[in-house]
Amino acid sequence: AGGAALWSLLVVMMVTSGIGLFYYLRVIVTMFMERAVEQTVDTGMPPLPIVAGLTLAALTMLLAWLGVYPGPLIALIRVAVTSVT
């Protein structure tokens, strides 16, 4: 009986993840489509500076790395908390 409950939980998780992925990808596609349209129309706004783009790329990679390998960050937080108390 316990295994059946886990399979139903897995199915619910997969369905909700698919729905979330659909909506997030829709936002990303819309952003890039609008950028292509904006390039043909002069909006008067300056393009994104290269430093800002590199900063966003570095922060995105750091976020992905910490999402996959959170162990070093958790260890650092534990050391910080134990040194405070």
PDB file of N, CA and C in Angstrom:
ATOM      1  N   ALA A   1       0.830  -1.194   0.000  1.00  0.00           N
ATOM      2  CA  ALA A   1       0.000   0.000   0.000  1.00  0.00           C
ATOM      3  C   ALA A   1       0.873   1.256   0.000  1.00  0.00           C
ATOM      4  N   GLY A   2       2.036   1.186   0.697  1.00  0.00           N
ATOM      5  CA  GLY A   2       2.910   2.353   0.768  1.00  0.00           C
ATOM      6  C   GLY A   2       3.537   2.680  -0.571  1.00  0.00           C
ATOM      7  N   GLY A   3       3.866   1.622  -1.348  1.00  0.00           N
ATOM      8  CA  GLY A   3       4.485   1.836  -2.661  1.00  0.00           C
ATOM      9  C   GLY A   3       3.537   2.516  -3.630  1.00  0.00           C
ATOM     10  N   ALA A   4       2.246   2.179  -3.551  1.00  0.00           N
ATOM     11  CA  ALA A   4       1.260   2.791  -4.441  1.00  0.00           C
ATOM     12  C   ALA A   4       1.133   4.281  -4.155  1.00  0.00           C
ATOM     13  N   ALA A   5       1.220   4.649  -2.889  1.00  0.00           N
ATOM     14  CA  ALA A   5       1.133   6.067  -2.530  1.00  0.00           C
ATOM     15  C   ALA A   5       2.336   6.830  -3.075  1.00  0.00           C
ATOM     16  N   LEU A   6       3.506   6.199  -3.074  1.00  0.00           N
ATOM     17  CA  LEU A   6       4.693   6.855  -3.609  1.00  0.00           C
ATOM     18  C   LEU A   6       4.605   7.034  -5.120  1.00  0.00           C
ATOM     19  N   TRP A   7       4.040   6.047  -5.820  1.00  0.00           N
ATOM     20  CA  TRP A   7       3.889   6.187  -7.267  1.00  0.00           C
ATOM     21  C   TRP A   7       2.915   7.305  -7.609  1.00  0.00           C
ATOM     22  N   SER A   8       1.835   7.415  -6.854  1.00  0.00           N
ATOM     23  CA  SER A   8       0.881   8.496  -7.137  1.00  0.00           C
ATOM     24  C   SER A   8       1.513   9.853  -6.846  1.00  0.00           C
ATOM     25  N   LEU A   9       2.324   9.930  -5.813  1.00  0.00           N
ATOM     26  CA  LEU A   9       3.033  11.176  -5.511  1.00  0.00           C
ATOM     27  C   LEU A   9       4.003  11.518  -6.632  1.00  0.00           C
ATOM     28  N   LEU A  10       4.682  10.524  -7.174  1.00  0.00           N
ATOM     29  CA  LEU A  10       5.605  10.739  -8.286  1.00  0.00           C
ATOM     30  C   LEU A  10       4.870  11.244  -9.521  1.00  0.00           C
ATOM     31  N   VAL A  11       3.717  10.674  -9.809  1.00  0.00           N
ATOM     32  CA  VAL A  11       2.936  11.116 -10.968  1.00  0.00           C
ATOM     33  C   VAL A  11       2.474  12.554 -10.782  1.00  0.00           C
ATOM     34  N   VAL A  12       2.016  12.901  -9.594  1.00  0.00           N
ATOM     35  CA  VAL A  12       1.574  14.275  -9.326  1.00  0.00           C
ATOM     36  C   VAL A  12       2.745  15.234  -9.469  1.00  0.00           C
ATOM     37  N   MET A  13       3.909  14.843  -8.972  1.00  0.00           N
ATOM     38  CA  MET A  13       5.088  15.690  -9.074  1.00  0.00           C
ATOM     39  C   MET A  13       5.490  15.902 -10.529  1.00  0.00           C
ATOM     40  N   MET A  14       5.433  14.856 -11.337  1.00  0.00           N
ATOM     41  CA  MET A  14       5.803  14.975 -12.746  1.00  0.00           C
ATOM     42  C   MET A  14       4.825  15.874 -13.500  1.00  0.00           C
ATOM     43  N   VAL A  15       3.552  15.737 -13.228  1.00  0.00           N
ATOM     44  CA  VAL A  15       2.547  16.552 -13.910  1.00  0.00           C
ATOM     45  C   VAL A  15       2.694  18.026 -13.532  1.00  0.00           C
ATOM     46  N   THR A  16       2.854  18.300 -12.249  1.00  0.00           N
ATOM     47  CA  THR A  16       2.993  19.702 -11.833  1.00  0.00           C
ATOM     48  C   THR A  16       4.314  20.299 -12.321  1.00  0.00           C
ATOM     49  N   SER A  17       5.371  19.500 -12.381  1.00  0.00           N
ATOM     50  CA  SER A  17       6.636  19.987 -12.926  1.00  0.00           C
ATOM     51  C   SER A  17       6.487  20.308 -14.406  1.00  0.00           C
ATOM     52  N   GLY A  18       5.785  19.472 -15.135  1.00  0.00           N
ATOM     53  CA  GLY A  18       5.544  19.733 -16.553  1.00  0.00           C
ATOM     54  C   GLY A  18       4.746  21.008 -16.779  1.00  0.00           C
ATOM     55  N   ILE A  19       3.740  21.222 -15.948  1.00  0.00           N
ATOM     56  CA  ILE A  19       2.936  22.447 -16.062  1.00  0.00           C
ATOM     57  C   ILE A  19       3.795  23.663 -15.758  1.00  0.00           C
ATOM     58  N   GLY A  20       4.595  23.603 -14.701  1.00  0.00           N
ATOM     59  CA  GLY A  20       5.471  24.723 -14.362  1.00  0.00           C
ATOM     60  C   GLY A  20       6.487  24.988 -15.451  1.00  0.00           C
ATOM     61  N   LEU A  21       7.066  23.932 -16.003  1.00  0.00           N
ATOM     62  CA  LEU A  21       8.035  24.077 -17.087  1.00  0.00           C
ATOM     63  C   LEU A  21       7.399  24.729 -18.295  1.00  0.00           C
ATOM     64  N   PHE A  22       6.179  24.343 -18.616  1.00  0.00           N
ATOM     65  CA  PHE A  22       5.466  24.940 -19.747  1.00  0.00           C
ATOM     66  C   PHE A  22       5.312  26.448 -19.563  1.00  0.00           C
ATOM     67  N   TYR A  23       4.881  26.872 -18.383  1.00  0.00           N
ATOM     68  CA  TYR A  23       4.671  28.296 -18.159  1.00  0.00           C
ATOM     69  C   TYR A  23       5.981  29.071 -18.130  1.00  0.00           C
ATOM     70  N   TYR A  24       7.025  28.531 -17.511  1.00  0.00           N
ATOM     71  CA  TYR A  24       8.306  29.232 -17.478  1.00  0.00           C
ATOM     72  C   TYR A  24       8.932  29.326 -18.862  1.00  0.00           C
ATOM     73  N   LEU A  25       8.861  28.260 -19.630  1.00  0.00           N
ATOM     74  CA  LEU A  25       9.403  28.316 -20.990  1.00  0.00           C
ATOM     75  C   LEU A  25       8.628  29.287 -21.858  1.00  0.00           C
ATOM     76  N   ARG A  26       7.332  29.391 -21.617  1.00  0.00           N
ATOM     77  CA  ARG A  26       6.524  30.356 -22.377  1.00  0.00           C
ATOM     78  C   ARG A  26       6.995  31.782 -22.113  1.00  0.00           C
ATOM     79  N   VAL A  27       7.329  32.102 -20.868  1.00  0.00           N
ATOM     80  CA  VAL A  27       7.837  33.424 -20.516  1.00  0.00           C
ATOM     81  C   VAL A  27       9.180  33.673 -21.200  1.00  0.00           C
ATOM     82  N   ILE A  28      10.065  32.679 -21.188  1.00  0.00           N
ATOM     83  CA  ILE A  28      11.383  32.835 -21.801  1.00  0.00           C
ATOM     84  C   ILE A  28      11.259  33.027 -23.307  1.00  0.00           C
ATOM     85  N   VAL A  29      10.411  32.237 -23.946  1.00  0.00           N
ATOM     86  CA  VAL A  29      10.219  32.383 -25.393  1.00  0.00           C
ATOM     87  C   VAL A  29       9.654  33.757 -25.708  1.00  0.00           C
ATOM     88  N   THR A  30       8.723  34.228 -24.908  1.00  0.00           N
ATOM     89  CA  THR A  30       8.147  35.552 -25.127  1.00  0.00           C
ATOM     90  C   THR A  30       9.205  36.635 -24.982  1.00  0.00           C
ATOM     91  N   MET A  31      10.092  36.497 -24.001  1.00  0.00           N
ATOM     92  CA  MET A  31      11.150  37.496 -23.817  1.00  0.00           C
ATOM     93  C   MET A  31      12.047  37.558 -25.041  1.00  0.00           C
ATOM     94  N   PHE A  32      12.443  36.408 -25.575  1.00  0.00           N
ATOM     95  CA  PHE A  32      13.337  36.409 -26.729  1.00  0.00           C
ATOM     96  C   PHE A  32      12.623  36.870 -27.990  1.00  0.00           C
ATOM     97  N   MET A  33      11.361  36.548 -28.132  1.00  0.00           N
ATOM     98  CA  MET A  33      10.613  37.004 -29.299  1.00  0.00           C
ATOM     99  C   MET A  33      10.457  38.521 -29.263  1.00  0.00           C
ATOM    100  N   GLU A  34      10.193  39.070 -28.081  1.00  0.00           N
ATOM    101  CA  GLU A  34      10.064  40.515 -27.971  1.00  0.00           C
ATOM    102  C   GLU A  34      11.398  41.196 -28.256  1.00  0.00           C
ATOM    103  N   ARG A  35      12.502  40.580 -27.852  1.00  0.00           N
ATOM    104  CA  ARG A  35      13.817  41.161 -28.110  1.00  0.00           C
ATOM    105  C   ARG A  35      14.072  41.220 -29.618  1.00  0.00           C
ATOM    106  N   ALA A  36      13.684  40.178 -30.356  1.00  0.00           N
ATOM    107  CA  ALA A  36      13.873  40.180 -31.802  1.00  0.00           C
ATOM    108  C   ALA A  36      13.032  41.271 -32.450  1.00  0.00           C
ATOM    109  N   VAL A  37      11.835  41.488 -31.947  1.00  0.00           N
ATOM    110  CA  VAL A  37      10.985  42.546 -32.478  1.00  0.00           C
ATOM    111  C   VAL A  37      11.546  43.914 -32.101  1.00  0.00           C
ATOM    112  N   GLU A  38      12.054  44.033 -30.861  1.00  0.00           N
ATOM    113  CA  GLU A  38      12.603  45.311 -30.417  1.00  0.00           C
ATOM    114  C   GLU A  38      13.836  45.709 -31.207  1.00  0.00           C
ATOM    115  N   GLN A  39      14.598  44.762 -31.704  1.00  0.00           N
ATOM    116  CA  GLN A  39      15.798  45.089 -32.455  1.00  0.00           C
ATOM    117  C   GLN A  39      15.463  45.748 -33.779  1.00  0.00           C
ATOM    118  N   THR A  40      14.291  45.471 -34.302  1.00  0.00           N
ATOM    119  CA  THR A  40      13.908  46.103 -35.561  1.00  0.00           C
ATOM    120  C   THR A  40      13.268  47.464 -35.329  1.00  0.00           C
ATOM    121  N   VAL A  41      12.807  47.720 -34.126  1.00  0.00           N
ATOM    122  CA  VAL A  41      12.163  48.989 -33.795  1.00  0.00           C
ATOM    123  C   VAL A  41      13.067  49.750 -32.833  1.00  0.00           C
ATOM    124  N   ASP A  42      13.329  51.028 -33.115  1.00  0.00           N
ATOM    125  CA  ASP A  42      14.180  51.833 -32.238  1.00  0.00           C
ATOM    126  C   ASP A  42      13.358  52.278 -31.043  1.00  0.00           C
ATOM    127  N   THR A  43      13.672  51.730 -29.861  1.00  0.00           N
ATOM    128  CA  THR A  43      12.924  52.079 -28.654  1.00  0.00           C
ATOM    129  C   THR A  43      13.578  53.228 -27.906  1.00  0.00           C
ATOM    130  N   GLY A  44      14.781  53.602 -28.289  1.00  0.00           N
ATOM    131  CA  GLY A  44      15.470  54.677 -27.600  1.00  0.00           C
ATOM    132  C   GLY A  44      16.224  54.212 -26.375  1.00  0.00           C
ATOM    133  N   MET A  45      16.106  52.920 -26.031  1.00  0.00           N
ATOM    134  CA  MET A  45      16.811  52.388 -24.863  1.00  0.00           C
ATOM    135  C   MET A  45      18.166  51.855 -25.304  1.00  0.00           C
ATOM    136  N   PRO A  46      19.205  52.106 -24.520  1.00  0.00           N
ATOM    137  CA  PRO A  46      20.525  51.582 -24.887  1.00  0.00           C
ATOM    138  C   PRO A  46      20.566  50.069 -24.692  1.00  0.00           C
ATOM    139  N   PRO A  47      21.424  49.364 -25.443  1.00  0.00           N
ATOM    140  CA  PRO A  47      21.529  47.915 -25.245  1.00  0.00           C
ATOM    141  C   PRO A  47      22.175  47.609 -23.896  1.00  0.00           C
ATOM    142  N   LEU A  48      21.985  46.383 -23.445  1.00  0.00           N
ATOM    143  CA  LEU A  48      22.533  45.940 -22.167  1.00  0.00           C
ATOM    144  C   LEU A  48      24.058  45.952 -22.238  1.00  0.00           C
ATOM    145  N   PRO A  49      24.723  46.627 -21.306  1.00  0.00           N
ATOM    146  CA  PRO A  49      26.190  46.636 -21.323  1.00  0.00           C
ATOM    147  C   PRO A  49      26.761  45.228 -21.153  1.00  0.00           C
ATOM    148  N   ILE A  50      27.944  44.990 -21.706  1.00  0.00           N
ATOM    149  CA  ILE A  50      28.566  43.673 -21.655  1.00  0.00           C
ATOM    150  C   ILE A  50      28.865  43.256 -20.215  1.00  0.00           C
ATOM    151  N   VAL A  51      29.198  44.203 -19.352  1.00  0.00           N
ATOM    152  CA  VAL A  51      29.486  43.880 -17.947  1.00  0.00           C
ATOM    153  C   VAL A  51      28.223  43.358 -17.256  1.00  0.00           C
ATOM    154  N   ALA A  52      27.101  43.973 -17.556  1.00  0.00           N
ATOM    155  CA  ALA A  52      25.844  43.525 -16.955  1.00  0.00           C
ATOM    156  C   ALA A  52      25.487  42.126 -17.450  1.00  0.00           C
ATOM    157  N   GLY A  53      25.692  41.871 -18.725  1.00  0.00           N
ATOM    158  CA  GLY A  53      25.413  40.541 -19.268  1.00  0.00           C
ATOM    159  C   GLY A  53      26.305  39.474 -18.661  1.00  0.00           C
ATOM    160  N   LEU A  54      27.601  39.799 -18.504  1.00  0.00           N
ATOM    161  CA  LEU A  54      28.523  38.848 -17.886  1.00  0.00           C
ATOM    162  C   LEU A  54      28.178  38.605 -16.420  1.00  0.00           C
ATOM    163  N   THR A  55      27.762  39.655 -15.723  1.00  0.00           N
ATOM    164  CA  THR A  55      27.357  39.504 -14.321  1.00  0.00           C
ATOM    165  C   THR A  55      26.140  38.594 -14.205  1.00  0.00           C
ATOM    166  N   LEU A  56      25.155  38.799 -15.073  1.00  0.00           N
ATOM    167  CA  LEU A  56      23.971  37.942 -15.051  1.00  0.00           C
ATOM    168  C   LEU A  56      24.331  36.502 -15.382  1.00  0.00           C
ATOM    169  N   ALA A  57      25.239  36.296 -16.333  1.00  0.00           N
ATOM    170  CA  ALA A  57      25.655  34.935 -16.681  1.00  0.00           C
ATOM    171  C   ALA A  57      26.377  34.270 -15.507  1.00  0.00           C
ATOM    172  N   ALA A  58      27.266  35.015 -14.838  1.00  0.00           N
ATOM    173  CA  ALA A  58      27.998  34.458 -13.695  1.00  0.00           C
ATOM    174  C   ALA A  58      27.054  34.111 -12.551  1.00  0.00           C
ATOM    175  N   LEU A  59      26.104  34.979 -12.265  1.00  0.00           N
ATOM    176  CA  LEU A  59      25.144  34.704 -11.193  1.00  0.00           C
ATOM    177  C   LEU A  59      24.246  33.521 -11.528  1.00  0.00           C
ATOM    178  N   THR A  60      23.890  33.383 -12.803  1.00  0.00           N
ATOM    179  CA  THR A  60      23.068  32.248 -13.219  1.00  0.00           C
ATOM    180  C   THR A  60      23.835  30.942 -13.052  1.00  0.00           C
ATOM    181  N   MET A  61      25.108  30.946 -13.448  1.00  0.00           N
ATOM    182  CA  MET A  61      25.923  29.735 -13.285  1.00  0.00           C
ATOM    183  C   MET A  61      26.121  29.400 -11.806  1.00  0.00           C
ATOM    184  N   LEU A  62      26.325  30.421 -10.959  1.00  0.00           N
ATOM    185  CA  LEU A  62      26.479  30.188  -9.522  1.00  0.00           C
ATOM    186  C   LEU A  62      25.203  29.608  -8.929  1.00  0.00           C
ATOM    187  N   LEU A  63      24.060  30.135  -9.347  1.00  0.00           N
ATOM    188  CA  LEU A  63      22.783  29.626  -8.858  1.00  0.00           C
ATOM    189  C   LEU A  63      22.578  28.176  -9.275  1.00  0.00           C
ATOM    190  N   ALA A  64      22.898  27.850 -10.512  1.00  0.00           N
ATOM    191  CA  ALA A  64      22.756  26.471 -10.973  1.00  0.00           C
ATOM    192  C   ALA A  64      23.717  25.552 -10.224  1.00  0.00           C
ATOM    193  N   TRP A  65      24.958  25.999 -10.011  1.00  0.00           N
ATOM    194  CA  TRP A  65      25.945  25.179  -9.304  1.00  0.00           C
ATOM    195  C   TRP A  65      25.495  24.916  -7.873  1.00  0.00           C
ATOM    196  N   LEU A  66      25.007  25.962  -7.187  1.00  0.00           N
ATOM    197  CA  LEU A  66      24.553  25.777  -5.806  1.00  0.00           C
ATOM    198  C   LEU A  66      23.285  24.931  -5.745  1.00  0.00           C
ATOM    199  N   GLY A  67      22.494  24.953  -6.792  1.00  0.00           N
ATOM    200  CA  GLY A  67      21.312  24.103  -6.831  1.00  0.00           C
ATOM    201  C   GLY A  67      21.661  22.637  -6.985  1.00  0.00           C
ATOM    202  N   VAL A  68      22.733  22.347  -7.725  1.00  0.00           N
ATOM    203  CA  VAL A  68      23.137  20.963  -7.949  1.00  0.00           C
ATOM    204  C   VAL A  68      24.030  20.456  -6.816  1.00  0.00           C
ATOM    205  N   TYR A  69      24.957  21.301  -6.348  1.00  0.00           N
ATOM    206  CA  TYR A  69      25.896  20.934  -5.294  1.00  0.00           C
ATOM    207  C   TYR A  69      25.784  21.895  -4.102  1.00  0.00           C
ATOM    208  N   PRO A  70      24.740  21.767  -3.283  1.00  0.00           N
ATOM    209  CA  PRO A  70      24.577  22.701  -2.169  1.00  0.00           C
ATOM    210  C   PRO A  70      25.447  22.381  -0.957  1.00  0.00           C
ATOM    211  N   GLY A  71      26.129  21.248  -0.966  1.00  0.00           N
ATOM    212  CA  GLY A  71      26.913  20.802   0.193  1.00  0.00           C
ATOM    213  C   GLY A  71      27.906  21.819   0.712  1.00  0.00           C
ATOM    214  N   PRO A  72      28.772  22.406  -0.149  1.00  0.00           N
ATOM    215  CA  PRO A  72      29.742  23.380   0.364  1.00  0.00           C
ATOM    216  C   PRO A  72      29.077  24.603   1.009  1.00  0.00           C
ATOM    217  N   LEU A  73      27.998  25.064   0.435  1.00  0.00           N
ATOM    218  CA  LEU A  73      27.300  26.215   1.012  1.00  0.00           C
ATOM    219  C   LEU A  73      26.675  25.850   2.361  1.00  0.00           C
ATOM    220  N   ILE A  74      26.094  24.677   2.448  1.00  0.00           N
ATOM    221  CA  ILE A  74      25.482  24.241   3.712  1.00  0.00           C
ATOM    222  C   ILE A  74      26.555  24.093   4.787  1.00  0.00           C
ATOM    223  N   ALA A  75      27.712  23.543   4.415  1.00  0.00           N
ATOM    224  CA  ALA A  75      28.810  23.414   5.376  1.00  0.00           C
ATOM    225  C   ALA A  75      29.286  24.785   5.852  1.00  0.00           C
ATOM    226  N   LEU A  76      29.388  25.732   4.936  1.00  0.00           N
ATOM    227  CA  LEU A  76      29.782  27.092   5.294  1.00  0.00           C
ATOM    228  C   LEU A  76      28.771  27.730   6.247  1.00  0.00           C
ATOM    229  N   ILE A  77      27.497  27.518   5.992  1.00  0.00           N
ATOM    230  CA  ILE A  77      26.453  28.062   6.866  1.00  0.00           C
ATOM    231  C   ILE A  77      26.533  27.415   8.251  1.00  0.00           C
ATOM    232  N   ARG A  78      26.776  26.108   8.302  1.00  0.00           N
ATOM    233  CA  ARG A  78      26.898  25.425   9.599  1.00  0.00           C
ATOM    234  C   ARG A  78      28.073  25.978  10.406  1.00  0.00           C
ATOM    235  N   VAL A  79      29.202  26.208   9.745  1.00  0.00           N
ATOM    236  CA  VAL A  79      30.369  26.765  10.433  1.00  0.00           C
ATOM    237  C   VAL A  79      30.046  28.164  10.946  1.00  0.00           C
ATOM    238  N   ALA A  80      29.373  28.962  10.143  1.00  0.00           N
ATOM    239  CA  ALA A  80      29.035  30.316  10.549  1.00  0.00           C
ATOM    240  C   ALA A  80      28.074  30.315  11.735  1.00  0.00           C
ATOM    241  N   VAL A  81      27.100  29.426  11.712  1.00  0.00           N
ATOM    242  CA  VAL A  81      26.112  29.374  12.793  1.00  0.00           C
ATOM    243  C   VAL A  81      26.762  28.876  14.085  1.00  0.00           C
ATOM    244  N   THR A  82      27.611  27.861  13.996  1.00  0.00           N
ATOM    245  CA  THR A  82      28.242  27.342  15.220  1.00  0.00           C
ATOM    246  C   THR A  82      29.256  28.332  15.799  1.00  0.00           C
ATOM    247  N   SER A  83      29.853  29.164  14.965  1.00  0.00           N
ATOM    248  CA  SER A  83      30.810  30.152  15.486  1.00  0.00           C
ATOM    249  C   SER A  83      30.089  31.328  16.145  1.00  0.00           C
ATOM    250  N   VAL A  84      28.844  31.564  15.779  1.00  0.00           N
ATOM    251  CA  VAL A  84      28.071  32.676  16.356  1.00  0.00           C
ATOM    252  C   VAL A  84      27.535  32.280  17.734  1.00  0.00           C
ATOM    253  N   THR A  85      27.124  31.029  17.872  1.00  0.00           N
ATOM    254  CA  THR A  85      26.491  30.604  19.129  1.00  0.00           C
ATOM    255  C   THR A  85      27.478  30.231  20.181  1.00  0.00           C
TER     256      THR A  85
END
